[in-house]
Amino acid sequence: MKGLLRWLPALAAVGTIFGYSHQPAWPDFAVGYPDWLLHGGAYSVVGVTVWYGMGGDRRRPLPLGVLVLAVGLASLAGGLDEFHQSFVPGRSATLADWAADSVGTVVGAVVAQAVAFAGLRGLWENRLT
C-alpha cells in the first residue's frame, strides 16, 4: 500500500494538467508566458513526481534504467495530454509542445536525481568541522 501512495503526487500533477488542458483557453495565470516554458515547467513537476513514484527519495537515487523508465512514463503522459488536447475545441496538439513536455520531464527527474545523490553523499547535512 505504501508503494501505491508514492504515486499520488504524480497522479495529482498529471490530473491537474489534464484538467487545465481540457479548457478551451489558457488559464489567466498562464497568459503572457512562452508556451514552451509553461509546458516544460509543468512537466518538470511530473518528472519529479514520477521519479518519486518509481522509488526515488532524497537519499535514494534511482538506478539508471529506472530513471530512464520514469522519464519515459512522464513523457508518455505529455504525449497523451497532447492527444487529448486535439479533441478539445480551441486547443491544439503539436509535436513542439510534446517536446517541451518531454524536456521538462528530463529536467525534473535529473534535478531530483542530483538532489538524491547530494543527500546520499551528505552534502545537505549540517556539519561542525
Protein backbone atom coordinates (compact mmCIF):
# COMPACT_ATOMS: atom_id res chain seq x y z
CA MET A 1 0.00 0.00 0.00
CA LYS A 2 2.82 2.42 0.86
CA GLY A 3 4.23 1.98 -2.65
CA LEU A 4 0.91 2.96 -4.19
CA LEU A 5 0.73 6.10 -2.06
CA ARG A 6 4.03 7.26 -3.60
CA TRP A 7 2.14 7.64 -6.90
CA LEU A 8 -0.44 10.10 -5.54
CA PRO A 9 1.68 13.22 -6.25
CA ALA A 10 2.21 12.10 -9.87
CA LEU A 11 -1.49 11.38 -10.32
CA ALA A 12 -2.35 14.77 -8.85
CA ALA A 13 0.15 16.58 -11.11
CA VAL A 14 -0.99 14.80 -14.28
CA GLY A 15 -4.65 15.17 -13.32
CA THR A 16 -4.23 18.90 -12.76
CA ILE A 17 -2.51 19.32 -16.13
CA PHE A 18 -5.21 17.28 -17.89
CA GLY A 19 -7.87 19.41 -16.20
CA TYR A 20 -6.29 22.65 -17.42
CA SER A 21 -5.72 21.25 -20.90
CA HIS A 22 -9.40 20.35 -21.16
CA GLN A 23 -10.27 24.06 -21.04
CA PRO A 24 -10.71 25.86 -24.38
CA ALA A 25 -8.14 28.54 -23.48
CA TRP A 26 -5.11 29.03 -21.27
CA PRO A 27 -5.94 29.92 -17.64
CA ASP A 28 -5.44 33.58 -16.71
CA PHE A 29 -2.25 32.94 -14.71
CA ALA A 30 -0.56 31.45 -17.80
CA VAL A 31 -1.26 34.29 -20.22
CA GLY A 32 1.86 36.13 -21.32
CA TYR A 33 4.38 33.34 -20.70
CA PRO A 34 6.06 31.43 -23.53
CA ASP A 35 4.28 28.20 -24.38
CA TRP A 36 7.45 26.11 -24.10
CA LEU A 37 8.09 27.45 -20.59
CA LEU A 38 4.61 26.54 -19.39
CA HIS A 39 4.84 23.03 -20.85
CA GLY A 40 8.38 22.45 -19.60
CA GLY A 41 7.67 23.82 -16.14
CA ALA A 42 4.52 21.80 -15.66
CA TYR A 43 6.11 18.60 -16.85
CA SER A 44 9.23 19.12 -14.74
CA VAL A 45 6.86 18.66 -11.80
CA VAL A 46 5.56 15.49 -13.44
CA GLY A 47 9.16 14.32 -13.89
CA VAL A 48 9.90 14.80 -10.18
CA THR A 49 6.68 13.14 -9.02
CA VAL A 50 7.06 10.14 -11.33
CA TRP A 51 10.69 9.84 -10.18
CA TYR A 52 9.36 9.73 -6.61
CA GLY A 53 6.65 7.23 -7.56
CA MET A 54 9.29 4.93 -9.04
CA GLY A 55 11.06 4.83 -5.67
CA GLY A 56 13.35 7.84 -5.68
CA ASP A 57 13.94 9.62 -2.41
CA ARG A 58 16.13 12.44 -1.14
CA ARG A 59 18.75 9.87 -0.13
CA ARG A 60 17.92 7.16 -2.64
CA PRO A 61 18.62 7.91 -6.30
CA LEU A 62 17.09 5.62 -8.90
CA PRO A 63 19.18 3.15 -10.88
CA LEU A 64 19.80 4.46 -14.40
CA GLY A 65 17.36 2.06 -16.06
CA VAL A 66 14.57 3.01 -13.66
CA LEU A 67 15.37 6.71 -14.17
CA VAL A 68 15.02 6.27 -17.94
CA LEU A 69 11.72 4.42 -17.41
CA ALA A 70 10.46 7.22 -15.14
CA VAL A 71 11.29 9.84 -17.79
CA GLY A 72 9.62 7.69 -20.44
CA LEU A 73 6.42 7.35 -18.41
CA ALA A 74 6.30 11.08 -17.69
CA SER A 75 6.91 11.86 -21.37
CA LEU A 76 4.15 9.42 -22.32
CA ALA A 77 1.79 11.37 -20.07
CA GLY A 78 2.73 14.50 -22.02
CA GLY A 79 2.02 12.77 -25.31
CA LEU A 80 -1.34 11.54 -24.07
CA ASP A 81 -2.18 15.05 -22.91
CA GLU A 82 -1.31 16.45 -26.34
CA PHE A 83 -3.51 13.80 -27.96
CA HIS A 84 -6.30 14.68 -25.52
CA GLN A 85 -5.99 18.37 -26.45
CA SER A 86 -6.55 17.55 -30.11
CA PHE A 87 -10.19 16.83 -29.21
CA VAL A 88 -10.73 19.99 -27.14
CA PRO A 89 -12.29 22.91 -29.06
CA GLY A 90 -9.93 25.90 -29.07
CA ARG A 91 -6.86 23.78 -28.26
CA SER A 92 -4.32 22.09 -30.48
CA ALA A 93 -1.75 19.33 -30.18
CA THR A 94 1.76 19.84 -31.52
CA LEU A 95 4.98 17.89 -31.52
CA ALA A 96 6.75 21.03 -30.26
CA ASP A 97 4.54 21.03 -27.17
CA TRP A 98 5.23 17.34 -26.58
CA ALA A 99 8.95 18.01 -26.99
CA ALA A 100 8.71 20.77 -24.35
CA ASP A 101 6.81 18.37 -22.08
CA SER A 102 9.50 15.73 -22.58
CA VAL A 103 12.37 18.14 -21.93
CA GLY A 104 10.57 19.23 -18.77
CA THR A 105 10.29 15.64 -17.56
CA VAL A 106 14.02 15.11 -18.12
CA VAL A 107 14.90 18.30 -16.24
CA GLY A 108 12.63 17.43 -13.30
CA ALA A 109 13.82 13.84 -12.98
CA VAL A 110 17.50 14.73 -13.39
CA VAL A 111 17.29 17.51 -10.78
CA ALA A 112 15.55 15.10 -8.37
CA GLN A 113 18.26 12.51 -9.07
CA ALA A 114 21.00 15.08 -8.41
CA VAL A 115 19.40 16.09 -5.13
CA ALA A 116 19.21 12.42 -4.13
CA PHE A 117 22.90 11.92 -4.92
CA ALA A 118 23.75 15.03 -2.90
CA GLY A 119 21.68 13.72 0.03
CA LEU A 120 23.32 10.31 -0.24
CA ARG A 121 26.73 11.91 -0.03
CA GLY A 122 25.68 14.03 2.95
CA LEU A 123 26.03 17.35 1.15
CA TRP A 124 22.86 18.67 2.77
CA GLU A 125 23.90 17.83 6.32
CA ASN A 126 24.93 20.49 8.81
CA ARG A 127 28.39 19.57 10.00
CA LEU A 128 30.67 21.05 12.55
CA THR A 129 34.26 20.83 11.39
